[in-house]
């Protein structure tokens, strides 16, 4: 199972910082998480950067049991 790591506001929407998800692609990981975590989570996904093992990811990128997908929403600070 791939590990989905969540940060900042999307972490708050999910109520967790990480979850294991059985999926074959990055898109499937996100789809499963969206179903699991609901509307607030789903509304944040489009504004997030998606990374696979520390590199920018595309929806069709394959994932395996040792892979990590990360969703990073924009953050501000100063």
Protein backbone atom coordinates (compact mmCIF):
# COMPACT_ATOMS: atom_id res chain seq x y z
CA UNK A 1 0.00 0.00 0.00
CA UNK A 2 1.21 3.49 -0.82
CA UNK A 3 1.50 6.07 1.93
CA UNK A 4 -0.39 9.33 1.47
CA UNK A 5 1.14 12.20 3.44
CA UNK A 6 -0.97 15.29 4.11
CA UNK A 7 0.13 18.74 5.19
CA UNK A 8 -1.33 22.00 6.52
CA UNK A 9 -5.03 22.60 5.74
CA UNK A 10 -5.60 19.32 3.91
CA UNK A 11 -4.17 17.49 6.92
CA UNK A 12 -6.70 19.28 9.11
CA UNK A 13 -9.54 18.40 6.73
CA UNK A 14 -8.57 14.71 6.83
CA UNK A 15 -7.90 14.63 10.55
CA UNK A 16 -4.62 12.78 10.01
CA UNK A 17 -1.15 13.36 8.62
CA UNK A 18 -0.83 10.07 6.78
CA UNK A 19 -2.79 7.06 5.63
CA UNK A 20 -2.00 3.83 3.80
CA UNK A 21 -3.98 3.41 0.57
CA UNK A 22 -4.16 0.46 -1.83
CA UNK A 23 -3.91 1.95 -5.34
CA UNK A 24 -2.05 1.63 -8.64
CA UNK A 25 -1.72 5.32 -9.63
CA UNK A 26 -1.43 8.72 -8.00
CA UNK A 27 -4.98 9.53 -9.17
CA UNK A 28 -6.34 6.39 -7.49
CA UNK A 29 -4.62 7.32 -4.22
CA UNK A 30 -6.24 10.75 -4.30
CA UNK A 31 -9.63 9.37 -5.35
CA UNK A 32 -9.66 6.84 -2.50
CA UNK A 33 -8.65 9.55 -0.01
CA UNK A 34 -11.32 11.92 -1.34
CA UNK A 35 -13.99 9.26 -0.84
CA UNK A 36 -12.71 8.46 2.63
CA UNK A 37 -12.29 12.03 3.91
CA UNK A 38 -15.24 13.80 2.23
CA UNK A 39 -16.15 17.25 1.00
CA UNK A 40 -13.72 19.54 2.86
CA UNK A 41 -10.84 17.32 1.77
CA UNK A 42 -12.11 17.13 -1.82
CA UNK A 43 -12.40 20.91 -2.08
CA UNK A 44 -8.72 21.33 -1.20
CA UNK A 45 -7.29 18.72 -3.58
CA UNK A 46 -7.40 20.95 -6.71
CA UNK A 47 -5.20 23.61 -5.10
CA UNK A 48 -2.59 21.14 -3.82
CA UNK A 49 0.75 20.25 -5.31
CA UNK A 50 1.13 16.51 -5.66
CA UNK A 51 4.47 14.81 -5.12
CA UNK A 52 5.54 11.20 -5.53
CA UNK A 53 8.64 10.19 -3.60
CA UNK A 54 9.78 13.81 -3.40
CA UNK A 55 9.24 14.63 -7.09
CA UNK A 56 6.34 16.40 -8.83
CA UNK A 57 3.71 13.80 -9.79
CA UNK A 58 1.15 13.30 -12.53
CA UNK A 59 -2.19 11.57 -12.06
CA UNK A 60 -1.15 8.57 -14.15
CA UNK A 61 2.13 7.93 -12.34
CA UNK A 62 2.28 4.37 -11.00
CA UNK A 63 2.53 3.79 -7.25
CA UNK A 64 3.61 0.73 -5.34
CA UNK A 65 3.79 -0.38 -1.73
CA UNK A 66 7.02 1.48 -0.98
CA UNK A 67 5.89 4.78 -2.54
CA UNK A 68 4.86 8.00 -0.83
CA UNK A 69 2.37 10.45 -2.31
CA UNK A 70 2.23 13.89 -0.69
CA UNK A 71 -0.45 16.57 -0.97
CA UNK A 72 0.83 20.06 -0.22
CA UNK A 73 -1.63 22.96 -0.23
CA UNK A 74 -0.36 26.49 -0.70
CA UNK A 75 0.73 28.10 2.56
CA UNK A 76 1.42 31.67 3.50
CA UNK A 77 3.48 33.17 6.21
CA UNK A 78 5.99 35.76 6.90
